[in-house]
Amino acid sequence: MSKNPPEESPGTWPANALLPWFDRHQRADLPWRHPGTGAWGVLVSEVMSQQTPVRRVVPSWEAWMERWPEPADLAEASGPDILTMWGRLGYPRRALRLRDCAAAIVEHHGGVVPKDPEQLRKLPGIGTYTAAAVAVFAYGQRYPVVDTNVRRVVARLKGKPDSGKATSQADLDATEELLPEDQATAAKLSIALMELGALVCRAKEADCAACPLVDDCGFAFQEIPAGPSRKRQKYVGTNRHVRGNLIELLRQQAPRQRQELDMAWNNEVMVSEALAQLIDDGLVETDTEGLFHLGS
């Protein structure tokens, strides 16, 4: 087994090995990958997918894009409509930030999602990863797009067991070294690396026998170290859980009286704390009669 890439130009060997596999095995059920999906659809999918399983995102993304197919549509939407449509995706501040992002696109870019990552990063709620993802997946440009899956794949190719928890400049540089010069091929390879990490080079169950890069992987067939214990984060009974229940009550019916919101959880102190936080975040508001409704 070779432990070093073949003597080919940068980006040639992983593309030649990985792209045929990607054509056969990519998940075709992700609607934002379908031909004709514009940059706005890609941007919405990336924001929705932050800390949220893809299977939960698909129906929400489809409903959202039917309701607000362009940034200008969302920019004019009301807060209650947006938060209701967001449903139980979690972290609802993302929904209102997405409206802020849409408004900035309309005001500063004529309603068209910009191509340049630097301009994308200036939009509300858009960080380095999302900016690169839009530039690559929507516009077919050559930039390293590094999420948890890509970090893991690239680290293992270099013979390292752990890809770390946060993307560093070294991760971006290492990923960019794998990309071919041709922009279209580089963009497709970026998606393929992500898919390989999601389907084959998984964190705890790497299927090296099914990996198209196995012959040149420095970590192939090695035992995956247990690493530090990562207990599944508790959700039920947490502040985040109570906040979500309060938002859900107001989605179902609004406005509501304060005592009605006590149905959110069986601890009045936790409900009061969560409600105060939601008000501070602009996700819940009160009117002149002291009734509660979703933020505008």
C-alpha atoms as a PDB file:
ATOM      1  CA  MET A   1       0.000   0.000   0.000  1.00  0.00           C
ATOM      2  CA  SER A   2       1.333   3.397  -0.949  1.00  0.00           C
ATOM      3  CA  LYS A   3       1.444   5.990   1.794  1.00  0.00           C
ATOM      4  CA  ASN A   4       2.134   8.939  -0.461  1.00  0.00           C
ATOM      5  CA  PRO A   5       0.099  10.381  -3.311  1.00  0.00           C
ATOM      6  CA  PRO A   6       1.214   9.432  -6.810  1.00  0.00           C
ATOM      7  CA  GLU A   7       3.521  11.790  -8.681  1.00  0.00           C
ATOM      8  CA  GLU A   8       0.767  13.848 -10.259  1.00  0.00           C
ATOM      9  CA  SER A   9      -0.052  17.527 -10.341  1.00  0.00           C
ATOM     10  CA  PRO A  10      -1.707  18.903  -7.181  1.00  0.00           C
ATOM     11  CA  GLY A  11      -5.307  17.819  -6.868  1.00  0.00           C
ATOM     12  CA  THR A  12      -5.150  15.311  -9.721  1.00  0.00           C
ATOM     13  CA  TRP A  13      -4.830  12.114  -7.719  1.00  0.00           C
ATOM     14  CA  PRO A  14      -7.700  12.660  -5.252  1.00  0.00           C
ATOM     15  CA  ALA A  15     -10.004  13.916  -7.994  1.00  0.00           C
ATOM     16  CA  ASN A  16      -9.230  10.975 -10.278  1.00  0.00           C
ATOM     17  CA  ALA A  17      -9.815   8.510  -7.457  1.00  0.00           C
ATOM     18  CA  LEU A  18     -12.728  10.123  -5.656  1.00  0.00           C
ATOM     19  CA  LEU A  19     -14.973  11.678  -8.297  1.00  0.00           C
ATOM     20  CA  PRO A  20     -16.030   8.406  -9.984  1.00  0.00           C
ATOM     21  CA  TRP A  21     -17.004   7.093  -6.529  1.00  0.00           C
ATOM     22  CA  PHE A  22     -18.935  10.302  -5.854  1.00  0.00           C
ATOM     23  CA  ASP A  23     -20.874   9.985  -9.096  1.00  0.00           C
ATOM     24  CA  ARG A  24     -22.040   6.531  -8.010  1.00  0.00           C
ATOM     25  CA  HIS A  25     -22.690   7.080  -4.313  1.00  0.00           C
ATOM     26  CA  GLN A  26     -23.625  10.714  -3.657  1.00  0.00           C
ATOM     27  CA  ARG A  27     -26.873  11.316  -1.806  1.00  0.00           C
ATOM     28  CA  ALA A  28     -29.303  12.335  -4.514  1.00  0.00           C
ATOM     29  CA  ASP A  29     -32.077  13.080  -2.023  1.00  0.00           C
ATOM     30  CA  LEU A  30     -30.618  16.416  -0.938  1.00  0.00           C
ATOM     31  CA  PRO A  31     -32.763  18.929  -2.865  1.00  0.00           C
ATOM     32  CA  TRP A  32     -30.256  21.790  -2.706  1.00  0.00           C
ATOM     33  CA  ARG A  33     -27.914  19.697  -4.836  1.00  0.00           C
ATOM     34  CA  HIS A  34     -30.433  19.390  -7.640  1.00  0.00           C
ATOM     35  CA  PRO A  35     -29.670  21.208 -10.894  1.00  0.00           C
ATOM     36  CA  GLY A  36     -31.198  24.650 -10.969  1.00  0.00           C
ATOM     37  CA  THR A  37     -30.838  25.353  -7.268  1.00  0.00           C
ATOM     38  CA  GLY A  38     -29.529  28.884  -7.028  1.00  0.00           C
ATOM     39  CA  ALA A  39     -27.120  30.481  -4.603  1.00  0.00           C
ATOM     40  CA  TRP A  40     -29.936  31.576  -2.288  1.00  0.00           C
ATOM     41  CA  GLY A  41     -31.112  27.976  -1.930  1.00  0.00           C
ATOM     42  CA  VAL A  42     -27.581  26.831  -1.162  1.00  0.00           C
ATOM     43  CA  LEU A  43     -27.116  29.596   1.416  1.00  0.00           C
ATOM     44  CA  VAL A  44     -30.392  28.697   3.151  1.00  0.00           C
ATOM     45  CA  SER A  45     -29.419  25.008   3.247  1.00  0.00           C
ATOM     46  CA  GLU A  46     -26.072  25.797   4.844  1.00  0.00           C
ATOM     47  CA  VAL A  47     -27.596  28.014   7.537  1.00  0.00           C
ATOM     48  CA  MET A  48     -30.286  25.446   8.319  1.00  0.00           C
ATOM     49  CA  SER A  49     -27.734  22.620   8.498  1.00  0.00           C
ATOM     50  CA  GLN A  50     -25.631  24.256  11.200  1.00  0.00           C
ATOM     51  CA  GLN A  51     -25.723  21.893  14.207  1.00  0.00           C
ATOM     52  CA  THR A  52     -28.777  20.179  12.705  1.00  0.00           C
ATOM     53  CA  PRO A  53     -29.012  16.704  11.078  1.00  0.00           C
ATOM     54  CA  VAL A  54     -29.572  16.891   7.333  1.00  0.00           C
ATOM     55  CA  ARG A  55     -32.610  14.605   7.474  1.00  0.00           C
ATOM     56  CA  ARG A  56     -34.413  17.211   9.577  1.00  0.00           C
ATOM     57  CA  VAL A  57     -33.395  20.040   7.267  1.00  0.00           C
ATOM     58  CA  VAL A  58     -34.806  18.679   4.003  1.00  0.00           C
ATOM     59  CA  PRO A  59     -38.566  19.215   4.619  1.00  0.00           C
ATOM     60  CA  SER A  60     -37.962  22.598   6.270  1.00  0.00           C
ATOM     61  CA  TRP A  61     -35.745  23.733   3.387  1.00  0.00           C
ATOM     62  CA  GLU A  62     -38.341  22.703   0.798  1.00  0.00           C
ATOM     63  CA  ALA A  63     -41.145  24.549   2.602  1.00  0.00           C
ATOM     64  CA  TRP A  64     -38.949  27.607   3.165  1.00  0.00           C
ATOM     65  CA  MET A  65     -37.879  27.863  -0.467  1.00  0.00           C
ATOM     66  CA  GLU A  66     -41.464  27.533  -1.653  1.00  0.00           C
ATOM     67  CA  ARG A  67     -42.496  30.367   0.670  1.00  0.00           C
ATOM     68  CA  TRP A  68     -39.462  32.624   0.164  1.00  0.00           C
ATOM     69  CA  PRO A  69     -37.688  31.598  -3.071  1.00  0.00           C
ATOM     70  CA  GLU A  70     -35.540  34.759  -3.251  1.00  0.00           C
ATOM     71  CA  PRO A  71     -33.813  37.003  -0.692  1.00  0.00           C
ATOM     72  CA  ALA A  72     -36.253  39.840  -1.442  1.00  0.00           C
ATOM     73  CA  ASP A  73     -39.158  37.608  -0.406  1.00  0.00           C
ATOM     74  CA  LEU A  74     -37.676  36.803   2.990  1.00  0.00           C
ATOM     75  CA  ALA A  75     -36.503  40.362   3.606  1.00  0.00           C
ATOM     76  CA  GLU A  76     -40.144  41.495   3.751  1.00  0.00           C
ATOM     77  CA  ALA A  77     -41.369  38.639   5.976  1.00  0.00           C
ATOM     78  CA  SER A  78     -42.559  39.140   9.549  1.00  0.00           C
ATOM     79  CA  GLY A  79     -40.768  37.676  12.538  1.00  0.00           C
ATOM     80  CA  PRO A  80     -43.720  35.480  13.622  1.00  0.00           C
ATOM     81  CA  ASP A  81     -44.051  34.022  10.114  1.00  0.00           C
ATOM     82  CA  ILE A  82     -40.319  33.284   9.978  1.00  0.00           C
ATOM     83  CA  LEU A  83     -40.174  31.666  13.407  1.00  0.00           C
ATOM     84  CA  THR A  84     -43.282  29.618  12.690  1.00  0.00           C
ATOM     85  CA  MET A  85     -41.847  28.362   9.408  1.00  0.00           C
ATOM     86  CA  TRP A  86     -38.529  27.538  11.131  1.00  0.00           C
ATOM     87  CA  GLY A  87     -40.407  24.997  13.223  1.00  0.00           C
ATOM     88  CA  ARG A  88     -38.305  22.805  15.528  1.00  0.00           C
ATOM     89  CA  LEU A  89     -35.018  23.098  13.647  1.00  0.00           C
ATOM     90  CA  GLY A  90     -33.483  24.603  16.773  1.00  0.00           C
ATOM     91  CA  TYR A  91     -31.441  27.734  17.401  1.00  0.00           C
ATOM     92  CA  PRO A  92     -34.234  29.998  16.061  1.00  0.00           C
ATOM     93  CA  ARG A  93     -32.018  33.077  16.132  1.00  0.00           C
ATOM     94  CA  ARG A  94     -30.609  31.658  12.894  1.00  0.00           C
ATOM     95  CA  ALA A  95     -33.987  32.273  11.275  1.00  0.00           C
ATOM     96  CA  LEU A  96     -34.054  35.974  12.119  1.00  0.00           C
ATOM     97  CA  ARG A  97     -30.390  36.354  11.161  1.00  0.00           C
ATOM     98  CA  LEU A  98     -31.253  34.795   7.820  1.00  0.00           C
ATOM     99  CA  ARG A  99     -33.801  37.555   7.299  1.00  0.00           C
ATOM    100  CA  ASP A 100     -31.113  40.115   8.168  1.00  0.00           C
ATOM    101  CA  CYS A 101     -28.866  38.423   5.641  1.00  0.00           C
ATOM    102  CA  ALA A 102     -31.579  38.563   2.983  1.00  0.00           C
ATOM    103  CA  ALA A 103     -32.145  42.258   3.661  1.00  0.00           C
ATOM    104  CA  ALA A 104     -28.420  42.952   3.280  1.00  0.00           C
ATOM    105  CA  ILE A 105     -28.340  41.047  -0.004  1.00  0.00           C
ATOM    106  CA  VAL A 106     -31.226  43.148  -1.288  1.00  0.00           C
ATOM    107  CA  GLU A 107     -29.749  46.444  -0.061  1.00  0.00           C
ATOM    108  CA  HIS A 108     -26.119  45.943  -1.032  1.00  0.00           C
ATOM    109  CA  HIS A 109     -26.179  43.364  -3.852  1.00  0.00           C
ATOM    110  CA  GLY A 110     -29.390  44.028  -5.743  1.00  0.00           C
ATOM    111  CA  GLY A 111     -31.047  40.896  -4.388  1.00  0.00           C
ATOM    112  CA  VAL A 112     -28.358  38.581  -5.789  1.00  0.00           C
ATOM    113  CA  VAL A 113     -26.233  36.453  -3.436  1.00  0.00           C
ATOM    114  CA  PRO A 114     -22.618  37.583  -3.986  1.00  0.00           C
ATOM    115  CA  LYS A 115     -19.971  35.208  -5.340  1.00  0.00           C
ATOM    116  CA  ASP A 116     -16.926  36.472  -3.488  1.00  0.00           C
ATOM    117  CA  PRO A 117     -16.309  34.848  -0.069  1.00  0.00           C
ATOM    118  CA  GLU A 118     -15.093  38.130   1.366  1.00  0.00           C
ATOM    119  CA  GLN A 119     -18.363  39.813   0.449  1.00  0.00           C
ATOM    120  CA  LEU A 120     -20.312  36.811   1.703  1.00  0.00           C
ATOM    121  CA  ARG A 121     -18.586  36.982   5.099  1.00  0.00           C
ATOM    122  CA  LYS A 122     -19.820  40.555   5.508  1.00  0.00           C
ATOM    123  CA  LEU A 123     -23.427  39.355   5.445  1.00  0.00           C
ATOM    124  CA  PRO A 124     -25.163  38.902   8.833  1.00  0.00           C
ATOM    125  CA  GLY A 125     -24.765  35.379  10.205  1.00  0.00           C
ATOM    126  CA  ILE A 126     -22.349  34.201   7.512  1.00  0.00           C
ATOM    127  CA  GLY A 127     -18.985  32.864   8.667  1.00  0.00           C
ATOM    128  CA  THR A 128     -15.930  31.490   6.904  1.00  0.00           C
ATOM    129  CA  TYR A 129     -17.352  28.029   6.273  1.00  0.00           C
ATOM    130  CA  THR A 130     -20.730  29.183   4.941  1.00  0.00           C
ATOM    131  CA  ALA A 131     -19.116  31.825   2.728  1.00  0.00           C
ATOM    132  CA  ALA A 132     -16.806  29.230   1.165  1.00  0.00           C
ATOM    133  CA  ALA A 133     -19.650  26.722   0.801  1.00  0.00           C
ATOM    134  CA  VAL A 134     -21.801  29.192  -1.141  1.00  0.00           C
ATOM    135  CA  ALA A 135     -18.891  30.270  -3.346  1.00  0.00           C
ATOM    136  CA  VAL A 136     -18.063  26.651  -4.149  1.00  0.00           C
ATOM    137  CA  PHE A 137     -21.396  24.807  -4.185  1.00  0.00           C
ATOM    138  CA  ALA A 138     -23.447  27.578  -5.790  1.00  0.00           C
ATOM    139  CA  TYR A 139     -20.883  29.242  -8.035  1.00  0.00           C
ATOM    140  CA  GLY A 140     -18.412  26.421  -8.714  1.00  0.00           C
ATOM    141  CA  GLN A 141     -15.336  28.277  -7.505  1.00  0.00           C
ATOM    142  CA  ARG A 142     -12.094  26.910  -6.077  1.00  0.00           C
ATOM    143  CA  TYR A 143     -11.961  27.414  -2.308  1.00  0.00           C
ATOM    144  CA  PRO A 144     -11.410  24.942   0.541  1.00  0.00           C
ATOM    145  CA  VAL A 145     -14.724  24.082   2.205  1.00  0.00           C
ATOM    146  CA  VAL A 146     -13.876  22.468   5.522  1.00  0.00           C
ATOM    147  CA  ASP A 147     -16.464  21.023   7.878  1.00  0.00           C
ATOM    148  CA  THR A 148     -16.071  18.223  10.437  1.00  0.00           C
ATOM    149  CA  ASN A 149     -16.231  15.520   7.760  1.00  0.00           C
ATOM    150  CA  VAL A 150     -13.638  17.153   5.525  1.00  0.00           C
ATOM    151  CA  ARG A 151     -11.290  17.841   8.443  1.00  0.00           C
ATOM    152  CA  ARG A 152     -11.444  14.174   9.364  1.00  0.00           C
ATOM    153  CA  VAL A 153     -10.824  12.903   5.824  1.00  0.00           C
ATOM    154  CA  VAL A 154      -7.893  15.230   5.204  1.00  0.00           C
ATOM    155  CA  ALA A 155      -6.329  14.488   8.594  1.00  0.00           C
ATOM    156  CA  ARG A 156      -6.531  10.741   8.019  1.00  0.00           C
ATOM    157  CA  LEU A 157      -5.072  11.030   4.548  1.00  0.00           C
ATOM    158  CA  LYS A 158      -2.059  12.552   6.268  1.00  0.00           C
ATOM    159  CA  GLY A 159      -1.952   9.718   8.809  1.00  0.00           C
ATOM    160  CA  LYS A 160      -3.443  11.627  11.722  1.00  0.00           C
ATOM    161  CA  PRO A 161      -6.127   9.998  13.881  1.00  0.00           C
ATOM    162  CA  ASP A 162      -8.065  13.082  14.956  1.00  0.00           C
ATOM    163  CA  SER A 163      -9.164  16.049  12.890  1.00  0.00           C
ATOM    164  CA  GLY A 164      -9.858  18.324  15.847  1.00  0.00           C
ATOM    165  CA  LYS A 165     -13.023  20.167  16.796  1.00  0.00           C
ATOM    166  CA  ALA A 166     -12.475  23.496  15.049  1.00  0.00           C
ATOM    167  CA  THR A 167     -11.179  24.437  11.617  1.00  0.00           C
ATOM    168  CA  SER A 168      -7.726  26.023  11.636  1.00  0.00           C
ATOM    169  CA  GLN A 169      -5.792  27.757   8.887  1.00  0.00           C
ATOM    170  CA  ALA A 170      -3.695  24.598   8.654  1.00  0.00           C
ATOM    171  CA  ASP A 171      -6.862  22.616   7.888  1.00  0.00           C
ATOM    172  CA  LEU A 172      -7.813  25.074   5.156  1.00  0.00           C
ATOM    173  CA  ASP A 173      -4.311  24.948   3.652  1.00  0.00           C
ATOM    174  CA  ALA A 174      -4.176  21.137   3.752  1.00  0.00           C
ATOM    175  CA  THR A 175      -7.559  20.878   2.033  1.00  0.00           C
ATOM    176  CA  GLU A 176      -6.663  23.439  -0.619  1.00  0.00           C
ATOM    177  CA  GLU A 177      -3.569  21.399  -1.512  1.00  0.00           C
ATOM    178  CA  LEU A 178      -5.871  18.569  -2.597  1.00  0.00           C
ATOM    179  CA  LEU A 179      -7.909  20.705  -4.982  1.00  0.00           C
ATOM    180  CA  PRO A 180      -7.133  20.678  -8.707  1.00  0.00           C
ATOM    181  CA  GLU A 181      -6.626  23.986 -10.483  1.00  0.00           C
ATOM    182  CA  ASP A 182      -9.721  23.606 -12.638  1.00  0.00           C
ATOM    183  CA  GLN A 183     -12.483  25.397 -10.756  1.00  0.00           C
ATOM    184  CA  ALA A 184     -15.371  23.137 -11.722  1.00  0.00           C
ATOM    185  CA  THR A 185     -13.441  19.994 -10.816  1.00  0.00           C
ATOM    186  CA  ALA A 186     -12.237  21.548  -7.551  1.00  0.00           C
ATOM    187  CA  ALA A 187     -15.801  22.462  -6.602  1.00  0.00           C
ATOM    188  CA  LYS A 188     -17.031  18.946  -7.278  1.00  0.00           C
ATOM    189  CA  LEU A 189     -14.128  17.469  -5.314  1.00  0.00           C
ATOM    190  CA  SER A 190     -15.056  19.650  -2.328  1.00  0.00           C
ATOM    191  CA  ILE A 191     -18.528  18.098  -2.248  1.00  0.00           C
ATOM    192  CA  ALA A 192     -17.053  14.634  -2.769  1.00  0.00           C
ATOM    193  CA  LEU A 193     -14.677  14.992   0.203  1.00  0.00           C
ATOM    194  CA  MET A 194     -17.595  15.990   2.378  1.00  0.00           C
ATOM    195  CA  GLU A 195     -19.655  13.040   1.169  1.00  0.00           C
ATOM    196  CA  LEU A 196     -16.789  10.622   1.744  1.00  0.00           C
ATOM    197  CA  GLY A 197     -16.542  11.751   5.353  1.00  0.00           C
ATOM    198  CA  ALA A 198     -20.291  11.428   5.868  1.00  0.00           C
ATOM    199  CA  LEU A 199     -20.723   8.003   4.262  1.00  0.00           C
ATOM    200  CA  VAL A 200     -17.395   6.135   4.452  1.00  0.00           C
ATOM    201  CA  CYS A 201     -14.682   7.830   6.494  1.00  0.00           C
ATOM    202  CA  ARG A 202     -16.910   8.166   9.524  1.00  0.00           C
ATOM    203  CA  ALA A 203     -15.691   9.218  12.946  1.00  0.00           C
ATOM    204  CA  LYS A 204     -16.130   5.874  14.720  1.00  0.00           C
ATOM    205  CA  GLU A 205     -16.723   3.420  11.864  1.00  0.00           C
ATOM    206  CA  ALA A 206     -14.404   4.134   8.965  1.00  0.00           C
ATOM    207  CA  ASP A 207     -15.109   1.698   6.118  1.00  0.00           C
ATOM    208  CA  CYS A 208     -11.609   1.687   4.655  1.00  0.00           C
ATOM    209  CA  ALA A 209     -12.386  -1.239   2.347  1.00  0.00           C
ATOM    210  CA  ALA A 210     -14.995   0.905   0.574  1.00  0.00           C
ATOM    211  CA  CYS A 211     -12.827   4.031   0.354  1.00  0.00           C
ATOM    212  CA  PRO A 212     -11.574   5.062  -3.093  1.00  0.00           C
ATOM    213  CA  LEU A 213      -8.588   6.835  -1.496  1.00  0.00           C
ATOM    214  CA  VAL A 214      -7.459   3.875   0.596  1.00  0.00           C
ATOM    215  CA  ASP A 215      -4.296   3.120  -1.397  1.00  0.00           C
ATOM    216  CA  ASP A 216      -2.851   6.533  -0.627  1.00  0.00           C
ATOM    217  CA  CYS A 217      -4.226   7.073   2.857  1.00  0.00           C
ATOM    218  CA  GLY A 218      -1.803   7.332   5.753  1.00  0.00           C
ATOM    219  CA  PHE A 219      -4.424   6.116   8.211  1.00  0.00           C
ATOM    220  CA  ALA A 220      -6.006   3.234   6.299  1.00  0.00           C
ATOM    221  CA  PHE A 221      -7.145   0.187   8.276  1.00  0.00           C
ATOM    222  CA  GLN A 222      -5.782   1.556  11.524  1.00  0.00           C
ATOM    223  CA  GLU A 223      -7.763   1.154  14.714  1.00  0.00           C
ATOM    224  CA  ILE A 224      -9.608   4.360  15.483  1.00  0.00           C
ATOM    225  CA  PRO A 225      -8.568   5.629  18.921  1.00  0.00           C
ATOM    226  CA  ALA A 226     -11.371   6.096  21.405  1.00  0.00           C
ATOM    227  CA  GLY A 227     -10.208   9.635  22.106  1.00  0.00           C
ATOM    228  CA  PRO A 228     -11.732  11.784  24.814  1.00  0.00           C
ATOM    229  CA  SER A 229     -15.153  10.773  26.024  1.00  0.00           C
ATOM    230  CA  ARG A 230     -17.857  12.701  24.213  1.00  0.00           C
ATOM    231  CA  LYS A 231     -21.119  12.120  26.023  1.00  0.00           C
ATOM    232  CA  ARG A 232     -24.253  12.913  24.113  1.00  0.00           C
ATOM    233  CA  GLN A 233     -25.403  16.348  25.152  1.00  0.00           C
ATOM    234  CA  LYS A 234     -28.461  16.289  27.378  1.00  0.00           C
ATOM    235  CA  TYR A 235     -31.442  18.137  25.931  1.00  0.00           C
ATOM    236  CA  VAL A 236     -34.603  17.271  27.881  1.00  0.00           C
ATOM    237  CA  GLY A 237     -34.990  19.594  30.831  1.00  0.00           C
ATOM    238  CA  THR A 238     -32.259  21.977  29.733  1.00  0.00           C
ATOM    239  CA  ASN A 239     -32.634  25.702  29.216  1.00  0.00           C
ATOM    240  CA  ARG A 240     -32.551  25.126  25.462  1.00  0.00           C
ATOM    241  CA  HIS A 241     -35.399  22.604  25.783  1.00  0.00           C
ATOM    242  CA  VAL A 242     -37.572  25.044  27.748  1.00  0.00           C
ATOM    243  CA  ARG A 243     -36.818  27.843  25.277  1.00  0.00           C
ATOM    244  CA  GLY A 244     -37.889  25.581  22.429  1.00  0.00           C
ATOM    245  CA  ASN A 245     -41.111  24.663  24.204  1.00  0.00           C
ATOM    246  CA  LEU A 246     -41.944  28.324  24.795  1.00  0.00           C
ATOM    247  CA  ILE A 247     -41.402  29.145  21.126  1.00  0.00           C
ATOM    248  CA  GLU A 248     -43.558  26.166  20.147  1.00  0.00           C
ATOM    249  CA  LEU A 249     -46.426  27.307  22.388  1.00  0.00           C
ATOM    250  CA  LEU A 250     -46.358  30.719  20.722  1.00  0.00           C
ATOM    251  CA  ARG A 251     -46.197  29.147  17.272  1.00  0.00           C
ATOM    252  CA  GLN A 252     -49.346  27.199  18.049  1.00  0.00           C
ATOM    253  CA  GLN A 253     -51.227  30.201  19.394  1.00  0.00           C
ATOM    254  CA  ALA A 254     -50.377  33.824  20.011  1.00  0.00           C
ATOM    255  CA  PRO A 255     -50.694  36.060  21.848  1.00  0.00           C
ATOM    256  CA  ARG A 256     -50.717  34.188  25.160  1.00  0.00           C
ATOM    257  CA  GLN A 257     -50.944  35.218  28.761  1.00  0.00           C
ATOM    258  CA  ARG A 258     -47.977  34.680  31.043  1.00  0.00           C
ATOM    259  CA  GLN A 259     -49.635  31.856  32.988  1.00  0.00           C
ATOM    260  CA  GLU A 260     -50.286  29.949  29.776  1.00  0.00           C
ATOM    261  CA  LEU A 261     -46.549  29.864  29.110  1.00  0.00           C
ATOM    262  CA  ASP A 262     -46.006  27.938  32.327  1.00  0.00           C
ATOM    263  CA  MET A 263     -47.121  24.902  30.318  1.00  0.00           C
ATOM    264  CA  ALA A 264     -43.677  24.965  28.704  1.00  0.00           C
ATOM    265  CA  TRP A 265     -42.063  23.100  31.616  1.00  0.00           C
ATOM    266  CA  ASN A 266     -42.770  21.936  35.143  1.00  0.00           C
ATOM    267  CA  ASN A 267     -40.344  24.393  36.720  1.00  0.00           C
ATOM    268  CA  GLU A 268     -41.557  27.971  36.970  1.00  0.00           C
ATOM    269  CA  VAL A 269     -38.075  29.365  37.630  1.00  0.00           C
ATOM    270  CA  MET A 270     -36.675  27.732  34.485  1.00  0.00           C
ATOM    271  CA  VAL A 271     -39.613  29.004  32.440  1.00  0.00           C
ATOM    272  CA  SER A 272     -39.075  32.543  33.731  1.00  0.00           C
ATOM    273  CA  GLU A 273     -35.345  32.426  32.965  1.00  0.00           C
ATOM    274  CA  ALA A 274     -35.887  31.012  29.486  1.00  0.00           C
ATOM    275  CA  LEU A 275     -38.618  33.536  28.704  1.00  0.00           C
ATOM    276  CA  ALA A 276     -36.417  36.441  29.799  1.00  0.00           C
ATOM    277  CA  GLN A 277     -33.640  35.196  27.516  1.00  0.00           C
ATOM    278  CA  LEU A 278     -36.004  34.868  24.556  1.00  0.00           C
ATOM    279  CA  ILE A 279     -37.172  38.443  25.118  1.00  0.00           C
ATOM    280  CA  ASP A 280     -33.565  39.657  25.289  1.00  0.00           C
ATOM    281  CA  ASP A 281     -32.822  37.827  22.026  1.00  0.00           C
ATOM    282  CA  GLY A 282     -35.809  39.413  20.288  1.00  0.00           C
ATOM    283  CA  LEU A 283     -37.484  36.052  19.740  1.00  0.00           C
ATOM    284  CA  VAL A 284     -40.431  36.864  22.018  1.00  0.00           C
ATOM    285  CA  GLU A 285     -42.122  40.216  22.632  1.00  0.00           C
ATOM    286  CA  THR A 286     -44.870  41.564  24.864  1.00  0.00           C
ATOM    287  CA  ASP A 287     -47.591  43.985  23.848  1.00  0.00           C
ATOM    288  CA  THR A 288     -49.199  46.868  25.735  1.00  0.00           C
ATOM    289  CA  GLU A 289     -51.612  44.453  27.431  1.00  0.00           C
ATOM    290  CA  GLY A 290     -48.803  42.272  28.725  1.00  0.00           C
ATOM    291  CA  LEU A 291     -49.491  39.419  26.303  1.00  0.00           C
ATOM    292  CA  PHE A 292     -46.666  37.432  24.725  1.00  0.00           C
ATOM    293  CA  HIS A 293     -46.105  36.720  21.032  1.00  0.00           C
ATOM    294  CA  LEU A 294     -43.280  35.833  18.677  1.00  0.00           C
ATOM    295  CA  GLY A 295     -40.722  38.525  17.976  1.00  0.00           C
ATOM    296  CA  SER A 296     -41.123  40.745  14.960  1.00  0.00           C
END
